[in-house]
């Protein structure tokens, strides 16, 4: 088989991951086979295994992408904006994400992952890493805001955990009823809590 160029390789991996996401969301993790994913992607089963060693590897790869969809890592590394602007940018990144077409699938995938984390230690570790990354990012922003006087005194780690729990709960509500959540109002309310 000829060697694929890096951009073609990345496109093929994305194609497979999108197919796996669709299958996991529609049928659940256990009812999805690698054959199902191959069929959804329009590829052979061998092509799937060329890029991912197992069905679990596909789920783990999808979960590892979730921290990046909001742009949080890039926002944290930005040096040209204030802490308050970073926090606002992070919120806007999350709000933009939950209003995108990918939100429903990734929110449903997270619920699949919660279920699988109960019995699969590697999935549990990946889900924990996802939450730790988000908690660390928000804690860092909150702590910087406290130190610069833009945020009142508050336990940064606890507030970060509360923010994540709020978004998890809101995502579940939005999955059940898309009209139930006004994401812009939510963003303004959280900014109102944040700004001292």
N, C-alpha and C. Protein backbone atom coordinates (compact mmCIF):
# COMPACT_ATOMS: atom_id res chain seq x y z
N UNK A 1 0.85 -1.19 0.00
CA UNK A 1 0.00 0.00 0.00
C UNK A 1 0.89 1.25 0.00
N UNK A 2 0.64 2.20 -0.91
CA UNK A 2 1.48 3.41 -0.95
C UNK A 2 1.33 4.24 0.32
N UNK A 3 2.42 4.88 0.69
CA UNK A 3 2.41 5.71 1.90
C UNK A 3 1.60 6.97 1.64
N UNK A 4 0.73 7.32 2.63
CA UNK A 4 -0.12 8.50 2.49
C UNK A 4 0.64 9.75 2.93
N UNK A 5 0.35 10.86 2.27
CA UNK A 5 0.91 12.14 2.69
C UNK A 5 0.30 12.52 4.04
N UNK A 6 1.02 13.31 4.84
CA UNK A 6 0.52 13.65 6.18
C UNK A 6 -0.89 14.25 6.16
N UNK A 7 -1.19 15.14 5.20
CA UNK A 7 -2.52 15.75 5.17
C UNK A 7 -3.59 14.72 4.80
N UNK A 8 -3.25 13.78 3.92
CA UNK A 8 -4.19 12.72 3.55
C UNK A 8 -4.40 11.76 4.72
N UNK A 9 -3.32 11.49 5.44
CA UNK A 9 -3.40 10.64 6.62
C UNK A 9 -4.31 11.25 7.68
N UNK A 10 -4.14 12.56 7.90
CA UNK A 10 -4.98 13.25 8.88
C UNK A 10 -6.44 13.26 8.43
N UNK A 11 -6.67 13.48 7.15
CA UNK A 11 -8.04 13.48 6.62
C UNK A 11 -8.68 12.11 6.79
N UNK A 12 -7.92 11.04 6.57
CA UNK A 12 -8.44 9.68 6.73
C UNK A 12 -8.77 9.39 8.19
N UNK A 13 -7.88 9.81 9.09
CA UNK A 13 -8.14 9.62 10.52
C UNK A 13 -9.41 10.38 10.93
N UNK A 14 -9.57 11.59 10.44
CA UNK A 14 -10.76 12.37 10.76
C UNK A 14 -12.02 11.70 10.21
N UNK A 15 -11.92 11.15 9.02
CA UNK A 15 -13.04 10.44 8.41
C UNK A 15 -13.46 9.25 9.29
N UNK A 16 -12.48 8.51 9.76
CA UNK A 16 -12.75 7.34 10.61
C UNK A 16 -13.33 7.78 11.95
N UNK A 17 -12.75 8.83 12.55
CA UNK A 17 -13.25 9.31 13.84
C UNK A 17 -14.68 9.82 13.73
N UNK A 18 -14.99 10.52 12.63
CA UNK A 18 -16.36 11.00 12.45
C UNK A 18 -17.33 9.83 12.33
N UNK A 19 -16.91 8.79 11.62
CA UNK A 19 -17.75 7.60 11.47
C UNK A 19 -17.95 6.92 12.83
N UNK A 20 -16.87 6.82 13.61
CA UNK A 20 -16.97 6.20 14.93
C UNK A 20 -17.89 7.02 15.84
N UNK A 21 -17.75 8.33 15.79
CA UNK A 21 -18.61 9.20 16.59
C UNK A 21 -20.07 8.97 16.25
N UNK A 22 -20.39 8.94 14.97
CA UNK A 22 -21.77 8.71 14.54
C UNK A 22 -22.28 7.37 15.05
N UNK A 23 -21.48 6.34 14.91
CA UNK A 23 -21.89 5.00 15.34
C UNK A 23 -22.06 4.91 16.86
N UNK A 24 -21.12 5.44 17.61
CA UNK A 24 -21.20 5.37 19.06
C UNK A 24 -22.43 6.10 19.58
N UNK A 25 -22.73 7.24 18.98
CA UNK A 25 -23.88 8.03 19.41
C UNK A 25 -25.19 7.36 19.02
N UNK A 26 -25.24 6.79 17.84
CA UNK A 26 -26.50 6.19 17.36
C UNK A 26 -26.78 4.84 17.99
N UNK A 27 -25.74 4.00 18.15
CA UNK A 27 -25.97 2.63 18.60
C UNK A 27 -25.40 2.32 19.98
N UNK A 28 -24.57 3.21 20.50
CA UNK A 28 -23.89 2.92 21.76
C UNK A 28 -22.56 2.25 21.50
N UNK A 29 -21.71 2.28 22.49
CA UNK A 29 -20.35 1.75 22.33
C UNK A 29 -20.36 0.23 22.14
N UNK A 30 -21.07 -0.49 23.00
CA UNK A 30 -21.03 -1.96 22.94
C UNK A 30 -21.71 -2.52 21.70
N UNK A 31 -22.74 -1.86 21.22
CA UNK A 31 -23.45 -2.37 20.05
C UNK A 31 -22.78 -1.98 18.74
N UNK A 32 -21.78 -1.13 18.82
CA UNK A 32 -21.03 -0.73 17.62
C UNK A 32 -19.85 -1.67 17.42
N UNK A 33 -19.70 -2.18 16.22
CA UNK A 33 -18.54 -3.01 15.87
C UNK A 33 -17.61 -2.21 14.96
N UNK A 34 -16.40 -2.69 14.81
CA UNK A 34 -15.45 -2.06 13.88
C UNK A 34 -16.00 -2.17 12.46
N UNK A 35 -16.71 -3.26 12.16
CA UNK A 35 -17.36 -3.39 10.85
C UNK A 35 -18.37 -2.26 10.62
N UNK A 36 -19.13 -1.92 11.67
CA UNK A 36 -20.11 -0.82 11.56
C UNK A 36 -19.40 0.50 11.25
N UNK A 37 -18.29 0.73 11.93
CA UNK A 37 -17.53 1.97 11.73
C UNK A 37 -16.96 2.02 10.32
N UNK A 38 -16.43 0.88 9.86
CA UNK A 38 -15.89 0.81 8.50
C UNK A 38 -16.97 1.10 7.48
N UNK A 39 -18.15 0.51 7.67
CA UNK A 39 -19.27 0.74 6.76
C UNK A 39 -19.68 2.20 6.75
N UNK A 40 -19.78 2.80 7.94
CA UNK A 40 -20.16 4.21 8.05
C UNK A 40 -19.14 5.11 7.36
N UNK A 41 -17.86 4.75 7.46
CA UNK A 41 -16.79 5.55 6.85
C UNK A 41 -16.61 5.27 5.36
N UNK A 42 -17.22 4.17 4.88
CA UNK A 42 -17.04 3.80 3.48
C UNK A 42 -15.66 3.23 3.22
N UNK A 43 -15.09 2.56 4.23
CA UNK A 43 -13.75 2.00 4.14
C UNK A 43 -13.77 0.52 4.50
N UNK A 44 -12.66 -0.13 4.27
CA UNK A 44 -12.54 -1.52 4.69
C UNK A 44 -12.20 -1.58 6.17
N UNK A 45 -12.49 -2.73 6.77
CA UNK A 45 -12.15 -2.93 8.18
C UNK A 45 -10.63 -2.79 8.37
N UNK A 46 -9.87 -3.29 7.40
CA UNK A 46 -8.42 -3.18 7.47
C UNK A 46 -7.94 -1.74 7.51
N UNK A 47 -8.64 -0.86 6.79
CA UNK A 47 -8.27 0.56 6.80
C UNK A 47 -8.44 1.16 8.19
N UNK A 48 -9.48 0.71 8.90
CA UNK A 48 -9.70 1.22 10.26
C UNK A 48 -8.51 0.81 11.13
N UNK A 49 -8.14 -0.48 11.04
CA UNK A 49 -7.05 -0.99 11.88
C UNK A 49 -5.69 -0.44 11.48
N UNK A 50 -5.55 0.08 10.28
CA UNK A 50 -4.31 0.73 9.87
C UNK A 50 -4.07 2.00 10.68
N UNK A 51 -5.17 2.65 11.07
CA UNK A 51 -5.07 3.94 11.77
C UNK A 51 -5.35 3.85 13.27
N UNK A 52 -6.14 2.87 13.69
CA UNK A 52 -6.52 2.72 15.10
C UNK A 52 -6.48 1.24 15.46
N UNK A 53 -5.85 0.94 16.57
CA UNK A 53 -5.64 -0.47 16.91
C UNK A 53 -6.90 -1.18 17.41
N UNK A 54 -7.90 -0.42 17.85
CA UNK A 54 -9.10 -1.05 18.40
C UNK A 54 -10.25 -0.06 18.45
N UNK A 55 -11.43 -0.58 18.75
CA UNK A 55 -12.60 0.26 18.95
C UNK A 55 -12.38 1.17 20.16
N UNK A 56 -11.76 0.64 21.19
CA UNK A 56 -11.47 1.46 22.38
C UNK A 56 -10.56 2.62 22.00
N UNK A 57 -9.57 2.37 21.14
CA UNK A 57 -8.65 3.44 20.72
C UNK A 57 -9.41 4.56 20.01
N UNK A 58 -10.44 4.21 19.27
CA UNK A 58 -11.27 5.22 18.61
C UNK A 58 -12.00 6.08 19.63
N UNK A 59 -12.59 5.43 20.63
CA UNK A 59 -13.30 6.19 21.67
C UNK A 59 -12.33 7.09 22.42
N UNK A 60 -11.16 6.57 22.76
CA UNK A 60 -10.17 7.37 23.48
C UNK A 60 -9.71 8.57 22.65
N UNK A 61 -9.52 8.37 21.35
CA UNK A 61 -9.10 9.47 20.48
C UNK A 61 -10.18 10.55 20.41
N UNK A 62 -11.44 10.14 20.34
CA UNK A 62 -12.54 11.11 20.32
C UNK A 62 -12.60 11.89 21.63
N UNK A 63 -12.42 11.21 22.74
CA UNK A 63 -12.46 11.88 24.04
C UNK A 63 -11.30 12.87 24.18
N UNK A 64 -10.12 12.49 23.69
CA UNK A 64 -8.96 13.37 23.79
C UNK A 64 -9.13 14.63 22.95
N UNK A 65 -9.97 14.58 21.95
CA UNK A 65 -10.24 15.77 21.13
C UNK A 65 -11.13 16.78 21.85
N UNK A 66 -11.89 16.33 22.82
CA UNK A 66 -12.93 17.18 23.41
C UNK A 66 -12.36 18.41 24.10
N UNK A 67 -11.20 18.30 24.73
CA UNK A 67 -10.62 19.45 25.43
C UNK A 67 -10.25 20.56 24.45
N UNK A 68 -10.01 20.21 23.18
CA UNK A 68 -9.54 21.19 22.20
C UNK A 68 -10.67 21.90 21.45
N UNK A 69 -11.91 21.37 21.53
CA UNK A 69 -12.96 21.95 20.70
C UNK A 69 -13.33 23.37 21.13
N UNK A 70 -13.10 23.72 22.38
CA UNK A 70 -13.42 25.06 22.85
C UNK A 70 -12.28 26.05 22.61
N UNK A 71 -11.11 25.55 22.25
CA UNK A 71 -9.96 26.43 22.08
C UNK A 71 -9.30 26.80 23.39
N UNK A 72 -9.67 26.14 24.49
CA UNK A 72 -9.16 26.50 25.81
C UNK A 72 -7.63 26.45 25.91
N UNK A 73 -6.96 25.42 25.38
CA UNK A 73 -5.49 25.42 25.49
C UNK A 73 -4.84 26.65 24.86
N UNK A 74 -5.32 27.08 23.69
CA UNK A 74 -4.76 28.26 23.04
C UNK A 74 -5.04 29.54 23.80
N UNK A 75 -6.23 29.61 24.38
CA UNK A 75 -6.61 30.80 25.16
C UNK A 75 -5.69 30.94 26.37
N UNK A 76 -5.42 29.82 27.04
CA UNK A 76 -4.57 29.86 28.23
C UNK A 76 -3.16 30.33 27.90
N UNK A 77 -2.68 29.98 26.70
CA UNK A 77 -1.34 30.35 26.31
C UNK A 77 -1.20 31.77 25.78
N UNK A 78 -2.33 32.44 25.56
CA UNK A 78 -2.29 33.80 25.00
C UNK A 78 -1.65 34.76 25.99
N UNK A 79 -0.76 35.62 25.50
CA UNK A 79 -0.08 36.56 26.39
C UNK A 79 -0.48 38.01 26.14
N UNK A 80 -1.31 38.23 25.13
CA UNK A 80 -1.62 39.61 24.74
C UNK A 80 -2.99 40.07 25.24
N UNK A 81 -3.67 39.24 26.02
CA UNK A 81 -4.99 39.64 26.53
C UNK A 81 -5.02 39.51 28.04
N UNK A 82 -5.94 40.24 28.68
CA UNK A 82 -6.05 40.21 30.14
C UNK A 82 -6.69 38.90 30.60
N UNK A 83 -6.60 38.67 31.91
CA UNK A 83 -7.20 37.46 32.49
C UNK A 83 -8.71 37.44 32.26
N UNK A 84 -9.33 38.61 32.43
CA UNK A 84 -10.77 38.71 32.22
C UNK A 84 -11.12 38.40 30.76
N UNK A 85 -10.30 38.88 29.84
CA UNK A 85 -10.52 38.60 28.42
C UNK A 85 -10.31 37.13 28.11
N UNK A 86 -9.34 36.50 28.78
CA UNK A 86 -9.12 35.07 28.60
C UNK A 86 -10.35 34.28 29.05
N UNK A 87 -10.86 34.65 30.23
CA UNK A 87 -12.03 33.94 30.75
C UNK A 87 -13.22 34.12 29.82
N UNK A 88 -13.42 35.36 29.37
CA UNK A 88 -14.52 35.64 28.44
C UNK A 88 -14.33 34.85 27.14
N UNK A 89 -13.10 34.80 26.63
CA UNK A 89 -12.82 34.05 25.41
C UNK A 89 -13.09 32.56 25.61
N UNK A 90 -12.73 32.03 26.79
CA UNK A 90 -12.99 30.62 27.08
C UNK A 90 -14.49 30.36 27.11
N UNK A 91 -15.23 31.24 27.78
CA UNK A 91 -16.69 31.09 27.81
C UNK A 91 -17.29 31.16 26.41
N UNK A 92 -16.83 32.13 25.64
CA UNK A 92 -17.35 32.28 24.28
C UNK A 92 -17.00 31.07 23.42
N UNK A 93 -15.82 30.48 23.66
CA UNK A 93 -15.44 29.27 22.94
C UNK A 93 -16.38 28.13 23.26
N UNK A 94 -16.71 27.98 24.53
CA UNK A 94 -17.65 26.93 24.93
C UNK A 94 -19.03 27.20 24.36
N UNK A 95 -19.49 28.45 24.46
CA UNK A 95 -20.82 28.80 23.94
C UNK A 95 -20.87 28.58 22.43
N UNK A 96 -19.83 28.98 21.72
CA UNK A 96 -19.78 28.77 20.28
C UNK A 96 -19.83 27.28 19.96
N UNK A 97 -19.10 26.49 20.74
CA UNK A 97 -19.09 25.05 20.52
C UNK A 97 -20.47 24.44 20.73
N UNK A 98 -21.15 24.80 21.84
CA UNK A 98 -22.44 24.16 22.11
C UNK A 98 -23.52 24.62 21.13
N UNK A 99 -23.25 25.70 20.40
CA UNK A 99 -24.21 26.12 19.38
C UNK A 99 -23.86 25.57 18.00
N UNK A 100 -22.78 24.79 17.93
CA UNK A 100 -22.36 24.22 16.65
C UNK A 100 -23.05 22.89 16.41
N UNK A 101 -22.94 22.41 15.19
CA UNK A 101 -23.56 21.14 14.84
C UNK A 101 -22.93 19.95 15.53
N UNK A 102 -21.66 20.08 15.93
CA UNK A 102 -20.97 18.96 16.58
C UNK A 102 -21.38 18.75 18.03
N UNK A 103 -21.99 19.75 18.63
CA UNK A 103 -22.28 19.69 20.06
C UNK A 103 -23.11 18.48 20.45
N UNK A 104 -24.20 18.24 19.73
CA UNK A 104 -25.11 17.15 20.09
C UNK A 104 -24.36 15.82 20.14
N UNK A 105 -23.55 15.56 19.11
CA UNK A 105 -22.83 14.30 19.07
C UNK A 105 -21.80 14.18 20.18
N UNK A 106 -21.05 15.26 20.43
CA UNK A 106 -20.02 15.17 21.46
C UNK A 106 -20.62 15.12 22.86
N UNK A 107 -21.73 15.80 23.08
CA UNK A 107 -22.41 15.70 24.38
C UNK A 107 -22.91 14.28 24.60
N UNK A 108 -23.49 13.68 23.56
CA UNK A 108 -23.95 12.29 23.66
C UNK A 108 -22.76 11.35 23.86
N UNK A 109 -21.64 11.64 23.18
CA UNK A 109 -20.44 10.82 23.36
C UNK A 109 -19.95 10.87 24.80
N UNK A 110 -20.01 12.04 25.40
CA UNK A 110 -19.57 12.17 26.79
C UNK A 110 -20.41 11.28 27.70
N UNK A 111 -21.72 11.20 27.43
CA UNK A 111 -22.56 10.32 28.24
C UNK A 111 -22.21 8.85 28.01
N UNK A 112 -21.86 8.49 26.77
CA UNK A 112 -21.39 7.14 26.48
C UNK A 112 -20.11 6.88 27.29
N UNK A 113 -19.22 7.85 27.30
CA UNK A 113 -17.95 7.70 28.02
C UNK A 113 -18.17 7.57 29.52
N UNK A 114 -19.11 8.35 30.08
CA UNK A 114 -19.41 8.22 31.51
C UNK A 114 -19.80 6.78 31.84
N UNK A 115 -20.63 6.20 30.98
CA UNK A 115 -21.09 4.82 31.21
C UNK A 115 -19.91 3.85 31.12
N UNK A 116 -19.10 3.98 30.09
CA UNK A 116 -17.99 3.05 29.89
C UNK A 116 -16.91 3.22 30.96
N UNK A 117 -16.79 4.42 31.50
CA UNK A 117 -15.76 4.68 32.52
C UNK A 117 -16.01 3.86 33.79
N UNK A 118 -17.24 3.41 33.98
CA UNK A 118 -17.55 2.62 35.17
C UNK A 118 -16.89 1.25 35.14
N UNK A 119 -16.62 0.74 33.94
CA UNK A 119 -16.07 -0.62 33.84
C UNK A 119 -14.73 -0.72 33.11
N UNK A 120 -14.29 0.37 32.48
CA UNK A 120 -13.05 0.33 31.71
C UNK A 120 -12.07 1.35 32.31
N UNK A 121 -11.02 0.86 32.99
CA UNK A 121 -10.09 1.78 33.66
C UNK A 121 -9.41 2.77 32.72
N UNK A 122 -9.11 2.36 31.47
CA UNK A 122 -8.43 3.27 30.55
C UNK A 122 -9.36 4.40 30.10
N UNK A 123 -10.62 4.05 29.87
CA UNK A 123 -11.59 5.09 29.52
C UNK A 123 -11.82 6.01 30.72
N UNK A 124 -11.90 5.42 31.92
CA UNK A 124 -12.07 6.25 33.12
C UNK A 124 -10.91 7.22 33.27
N UNK A 125 -9.69 6.74 33.04
CA UNK A 125 -8.51 7.60 33.14
C UNK A 125 -8.56 8.72 32.11
N UNK A 126 -9.01 8.42 30.89
CA UNK A 126 -9.10 9.44 29.84
C UNK A 126 -10.15 10.48 30.17
N UNK A 127 -11.32 10.01 30.66
CA UNK A 127 -12.37 10.95 31.04
C UNK A 127 -11.89 11.82 32.20
N UNK A 128 -11.22 11.20 33.17
CA UNK A 128 -10.68 11.97 34.30
C UNK A 128 -9.66 13.00 33.80
N UNK A 129 -8.84 12.61 32.84
CA UNK A 129 -7.86 13.54 32.27
C UNK A 129 -8.54 14.71 31.56
N UNK A 130 -9.63 14.43 30.87
CA UNK A 130 -10.41 15.48 30.21
C UNK A 130 -10.90 16.49 31.24
N UNK A 131 -11.49 15.99 32.32
CA UNK A 131 -11.98 16.89 33.37
C UNK A 131 -10.84 17.61 34.08
N UNK A 132 -9.76 16.90 34.34
CA UNK A 132 -8.61 17.54 34.99
C UNK A 132 -8.05 18.67 34.14
N UNK A 133 -7.99 18.46 32.82
CA UNK A 133 -7.49 19.50 31.93
C UNK A 133 -8.38 20.73 31.95
N UNK A 134 -9.69 20.50 31.90
CA UNK A 134 -10.61 21.64 31.94
C UNK A 134 -10.56 22.34 33.29
N UNK A 135 -10.52 21.54 34.36
CA UNK A 135 -10.49 22.11 35.71
C UNK A 135 -9.21 22.91 35.91
N UNK A 136 -8.10 22.38 35.45
CA UNK A 136 -6.82 23.08 35.58
C UNK A 136 -6.84 24.39 34.80
N UNK A 137 -7.38 24.34 33.57
CA UNK A 137 -7.44 25.54 32.75
C UNK A 137 -8.28 26.64 33.38
N UNK A 138 -9.48 26.27 33.81
CA UNK A 138 -10.34 27.27 34.44
C UNK A 138 -9.76 27.75 35.77
N UNK A 139 -9.20 26.83 36.55
CA UNK A 139 -8.58 27.23 37.83
C UNK A 139 -7.47 28.26 37.60
N UNK A 140 -6.68 28.01 36.58
CA UNK A 140 -5.58 28.93 36.26
C UNK A 140 -6.12 30.31 35.92
N UNK A 141 -7.15 30.35 35.08
CA UNK A 141 -7.75 31.64 34.71
C UNK A 141 -8.33 32.35 35.93
N UNK A 142 -9.04 31.60 36.75
CA UNK A 142 -9.67 32.19 37.93
C UNK A 142 -8.61 32.70 38.89
N UNK A 143 -7.57 31.91 39.13
CA UNK A 143 -6.51 32.33 40.05
C UNK A 143 -5.80 33.58 39.54
N UNK A 144 -5.54 33.64 38.25
CA UNK A 144 -4.92 34.83 37.67
C UNK A 144 -5.83 36.05 37.86
N UNK A 145 -7.12 35.83 37.70
CA UNK A 145 -8.07 36.93 37.90
C UNK A 145 -8.10 37.41 39.34
N UNK A 146 -7.99 36.49 40.29
CA UNK A 146 -7.95 36.84 41.71
C UNK A 146 -6.69 37.67 41.99
N UNK A 147 -5.55 37.19 41.48
CA UNK A 147 -4.28 37.86 41.74
C UNK A 147 -4.21 39.25 41.11
N UNK A 148 -4.91 39.44 40.00
CA UNK A 148 -4.89 40.76 39.35
C UNK A 148 -5.98 41.69 39.88
N UNK A 149 -6.81 41.18 40.79
CA UNK A 149 -7.88 41.99 41.36
C UNK A 149 -9.13 42.08 40.50
N UNK A 150 -9.17 41.33 39.40
CA UNK A 150 -10.36 41.35 38.54
C UNK A 150 -11.45 40.42 39.03
N UNK A 151 -11.09 39.54 39.97
CA UNK A 151 -12.03 38.57 40.51
C UNK A 151 -11.93 38.64 42.03
N UNK A 152 -13.09 38.57 42.68
CA UNK A 152 -13.10 38.57 44.14
C UNK A 152 -12.50 37.29 44.69
N UNK A 153 -12.15 37.29 45.99
CA UNK A 153 -11.55 36.10 46.59
C UNK A 153 -12.51 34.92 46.53
N UNK A 154 -12.02 33.81 45.99
CA UNK A 154 -12.84 32.61 45.82
C UNK A 154 -11.88 31.44 45.68
N UNK A 155 -12.32 30.26 46.04
CA UNK A 155 -11.49 29.07 45.85
C UNK A 155 -11.52 28.71 44.37
N UNK A 156 -10.40 28.90 43.68
CA UNK A 156 -10.35 28.76 42.22
C UNK A 156 -10.68 27.34 41.78
N UNK A 157 -10.14 26.34 42.48
CA UNK A 157 -10.37 24.95 42.10
C UNK A 157 -11.85 24.58 42.25
N UNK A 158 -12.45 25.02 43.35
CA UNK A 158 -13.88 24.72 43.57
C UNK A 158 -14.75 25.41 42.53
N UNK A 159 -14.45 26.68 42.24
CA UNK A 159 -15.26 27.40 41.25
C UNK A 159 -15.12 26.77 39.87
N UNK A 160 -13.90 26.31 39.54
CA UNK A 160 -13.69 25.62 38.26
C UNK A 160 -14.54 24.35 38.19
N UNK A 161 -14.57 23.58 39.28
CA UNK A 161 -15.38 22.35 39.31
C UNK A 161 -16.86 22.67 39.15
N UNK A 162 -17.29 23.74 39.80
CA UNK A 162 -18.70 24.15 39.71
C UNK A 162 -19.05 24.56 38.28
N UNK A 163 -18.16 25.32 37.63
CA UNK A 163 -18.41 25.73 36.24
C UNK A 163 -18.56 24.52 35.32
N UNK A 164 -17.68 23.55 35.48
CA UNK A 164 -17.74 22.35 34.64
C UNK A 164 -19.03 21.59 34.90
N UNK A 165 -19.41 21.46 36.18
CA UNK A 165 -20.65 20.77 36.51
C UNK A 165 -21.86 21.49 35.92
N UNK A 166 -21.82 22.81 35.94
CA UNK A 166 -22.91 23.60 35.35
C UNK A 166 -23.02 23.29 33.86
N UNK A 167 -21.88 23.29 33.16
CA UNK A 167 -21.93 23.03 31.72
C UNK A 167 -22.35 21.60 31.40
N UNK A 168 -21.91 20.64 32.23
CA UNK A 168 -22.36 19.26 32.02
C UNK A 168 -23.87 19.17 32.15
N UNK A 169 -24.40 19.78 33.19
CA UNK A 169 -25.86 19.75 33.40
C UNK A 169 -26.61 20.46 32.30
N UNK A 170 -26.08 21.59 31.85
CA UNK A 170 -26.73 22.33 30.77
C UNK A 170 -26.70 21.54 29.47
N UNK A 171 -25.59 20.83 29.21
CA UNK A 171 -25.50 20.02 27.99
C UNK A 171 -26.56 18.92 27.99
N UNK A 172 -26.76 18.29 29.15
CA UNK A 172 -27.78 17.24 29.23
C UNK A 172 -29.16 17.82 28.97
N UNK A 173 -29.44 18.97 29.57
CA UNK A 173 -30.74 19.62 29.34
C UNK A 173 -30.92 19.96 27.86
N UNK A 174 -29.87 20.47 27.23
CA UNK A 174 -29.95 20.86 25.82
C UNK A 174 -30.12 19.65 24.90
N UNK A 175 -29.56 18.50 25.29
CA UNK A 175 -29.75 17.29 24.50
C UNK A 175 -31.20 16.86 24.49
N UNK A 176 -31.85 17.04 25.62
CA UNK A 176 -33.26 16.64 25.75
C UNK A 176 -34.19 17.67 25.11
N UNK A 177 -33.86 18.95 25.28
CA UNK A 177 -34.71 20.02 24.76
C UNK A 177 -33.82 21.17 24.30
N UNK A 178 -33.60 21.27 22.99
CA UNK A 178 -32.69 22.28 22.43
C UNK A 178 -33.10 23.70 22.78
N UNK A 179 -34.39 23.93 22.99
CA UNK A 179 -34.89 25.27 23.25
C UNK A 179 -34.81 25.65 24.73
N UNK A 180 -34.42 24.70 25.58
CA UNK A 180 -34.46 24.95 27.03
C UNK A 180 -33.38 25.91 27.51
N UNK A 181 -32.29 26.01 26.77
CA UNK A 181 -31.13 26.77 27.23
C UNK A 181 -30.87 27.97 26.33
N UNK A 182 -30.78 29.14 26.95
CA UNK A 182 -30.35 30.35 26.25
C UNK A 182 -28.87 30.54 26.57
N UNK A 183 -28.01 30.06 25.64
CA UNK A 183 -26.58 30.02 25.93
C UNK A 183 -25.98 31.41 26.10
N UNK A 184 -26.47 32.39 25.38
CA UNK A 184 -25.93 33.75 25.54
C UNK A 184 -26.26 34.29 26.93
N UNK A 185 -27.48 34.04 27.41
CA UNK A 185 -27.86 34.48 28.76
C UNK A 185 -27.02 33.75 29.81
N UNK A 186 -26.77 32.47 29.58
CA UNK A 186 -25.91 31.71 30.50
C UNK A 186 -24.52 32.33 30.56
N UNK A 187 -23.96 32.65 29.39
CA UNK A 187 -22.63 33.26 29.33
C UNK A 187 -22.59 34.57 30.10
N UNK A 188 -23.60 35.42 29.89
CA UNK A 188 -23.65 36.71 30.59
C UNK A 188 -23.77 36.53 32.09
N UNK A 189 -24.56 35.55 32.51
CA UNK A 189 -24.74 35.29 33.94
C UNK A 189 -23.44 34.84 34.58
N UNK A 190 -22.72 33.94 33.91
CA UNK A 190 -21.45 33.46 34.46
C UNK A 190 -20.43 34.58 34.48
N UNK A 191 -20.41 35.42 33.45
CA UNK A 191 -19.49 36.57 33.47
C UNK A 191 -19.84 37.50 34.62
N UNK A 192 -21.13 37.63 34.92
CA UNK A 192 -21.55 38.48 36.02
C UNK A 192 -21.06 37.97 37.35
N UNK A 193 -21.01 36.64 37.50
CA UNK A 193 -20.47 36.03 38.72
C UNK A 193 -18.96 36.24 38.78
N UNK A 194 -18.32 36.14 37.63
CA UNK A 194 -16.85 36.20 37.52
C UNK A 194 -16.29 37.58 37.80
N UNK A 195 -16.93 38.62 37.22
CA UNK A 195 -16.34 39.96 37.29
C UNK A 195 -16.58 40.55 38.68
N UNK A 196 -15.52 41.00 39.30
CA UNK A 196 -15.59 41.52 40.68
C UNK A 196 -15.92 43.00 40.67
